[in-house]
């Protein structure tokens, strides 16, 4: 069940992230110099991987036990 929830959350997150990155890029970044555009799109292209890694780690974790060792 954790994998299905994580997959749904990851899908929604990526879709929202891409939409926001496109709007910011199209409305604010395209009129800036080329090097700024390059840096923005490079960072925006890779920045989603950090939260995605957290979600994937959460998905792969097993159920938590409530007993103390």
Protein backbone atom coordinates (compact mmCIF):
# COMPACT_ATOMS: atom_id res chain seq x y z
CA UNK A 1 0.00 0.00 0.00
CA UNK A 2 2.88 2.35 0.82
CA UNK A 3 4.19 2.05 -2.74
CA UNK A 4 0.85 2.96 -4.30
CA UNK A 5 0.48 6.01 -2.06
CA UNK A 6 4.08 7.03 -2.77
CA UNK A 7 3.66 6.56 -6.50
CA UNK A 8 0.54 8.70 -6.51
CA UNK A 9 2.21 11.37 -4.39
CA UNK A 10 5.31 11.34 -6.56
CA UNK A 11 3.24 11.67 -9.72
CA UNK A 12 1.24 14.60 -8.35
CA UNK A 13 4.40 16.28 -7.01
CA UNK A 14 6.23 16.01 -10.35
CA UNK A 15 3.26 17.32 -12.33
CA UNK A 16 2.85 20.33 -10.03
CA UNK A 17 6.61 20.96 -9.94
CA UNK A 18 6.88 20.88 -13.74
CA UNK A 19 3.93 23.23 -14.15
CA UNK A 20 5.40 25.75 -11.69
CA UNK A 21 8.88 25.52 -13.22
CA UNK A 22 7.43 26.10 -16.72
CA UNK A 23 5.38 29.10 -15.65
CA UNK A 24 8.31 30.70 -13.82
CA UNK A 25 10.61 29.97 -16.75
CA UNK A 26 8.24 31.31 -19.37
CA UNK A 27 7.15 34.42 -17.46
CA UNK A 28 10.31 35.49 -15.69
CA UNK A 29 13.42 33.74 -16.97
CA UNK A 30 13.12 34.00 -20.77
CA UNK A 31 13.80 37.74 -20.82
CA UNK A 32 17.03 37.33 -18.80
CA UNK A 33 20.48 36.70 -20.33
CA UNK A 34 21.25 33.27 -21.76
CA UNK A 35 23.59 32.18 -18.95
CA UNK A 36 20.88 32.89 -16.35
CA UNK A 37 18.42 30.84 -18.40
CA UNK A 38 20.92 27.99 -18.62
CA UNK A 39 21.49 27.98 -14.87
CA UNK A 40 17.77 28.21 -14.07
CA UNK A 41 16.75 25.38 -16.36
CA UNK A 42 19.67 23.19 -15.24
CA UNK A 43 18.81 23.70 -11.56
CA UNK A 44 15.06 23.37 -12.15
CA UNK A 45 15.66 20.23 -14.20
CA UNK A 46 17.49 18.47 -11.36
CA UNK A 47 15.92 20.03 -8.24
CA UNK A 48 12.89 17.74 -8.27
CA UNK A 49 15.10 14.70 -7.67
CA UNK A 50 15.80 15.60 -4.01
CA UNK A 51 12.14 15.43 -2.86
CA UNK A 52 11.61 12.45 -5.17
CA UNK A 53 14.43 10.58 -3.41
CA UNK A 54 12.77 11.25 -0.04
CA UNK A 55 9.46 9.90 -1.31
CA UNK A 56 11.12 6.82 -2.81
CA UNK A 57 13.03 6.12 0.42
CA UNK A 58 9.77 6.39 2.33
CA UNK A 59 8.12 3.99 -0.14
CA UNK A 60 10.89 1.40 0.25
CA UNK A 61 10.88 1.50 4.06
CA UNK A 62 9.13 -1.36 5.75
CA UNK A 63 6.34 -1.03 8.26
CA UNK A 64 7.44 0.58 11.54
CA UNK A 65 7.22 -1.57 14.66
CA UNK A 66 5.87 0.04 17.81
CA UNK A 67 7.93 -2.10 20.20
CA UNK A 68 11.17 -0.74 21.61
CA UNK A 69 14.23 -2.98 21.37
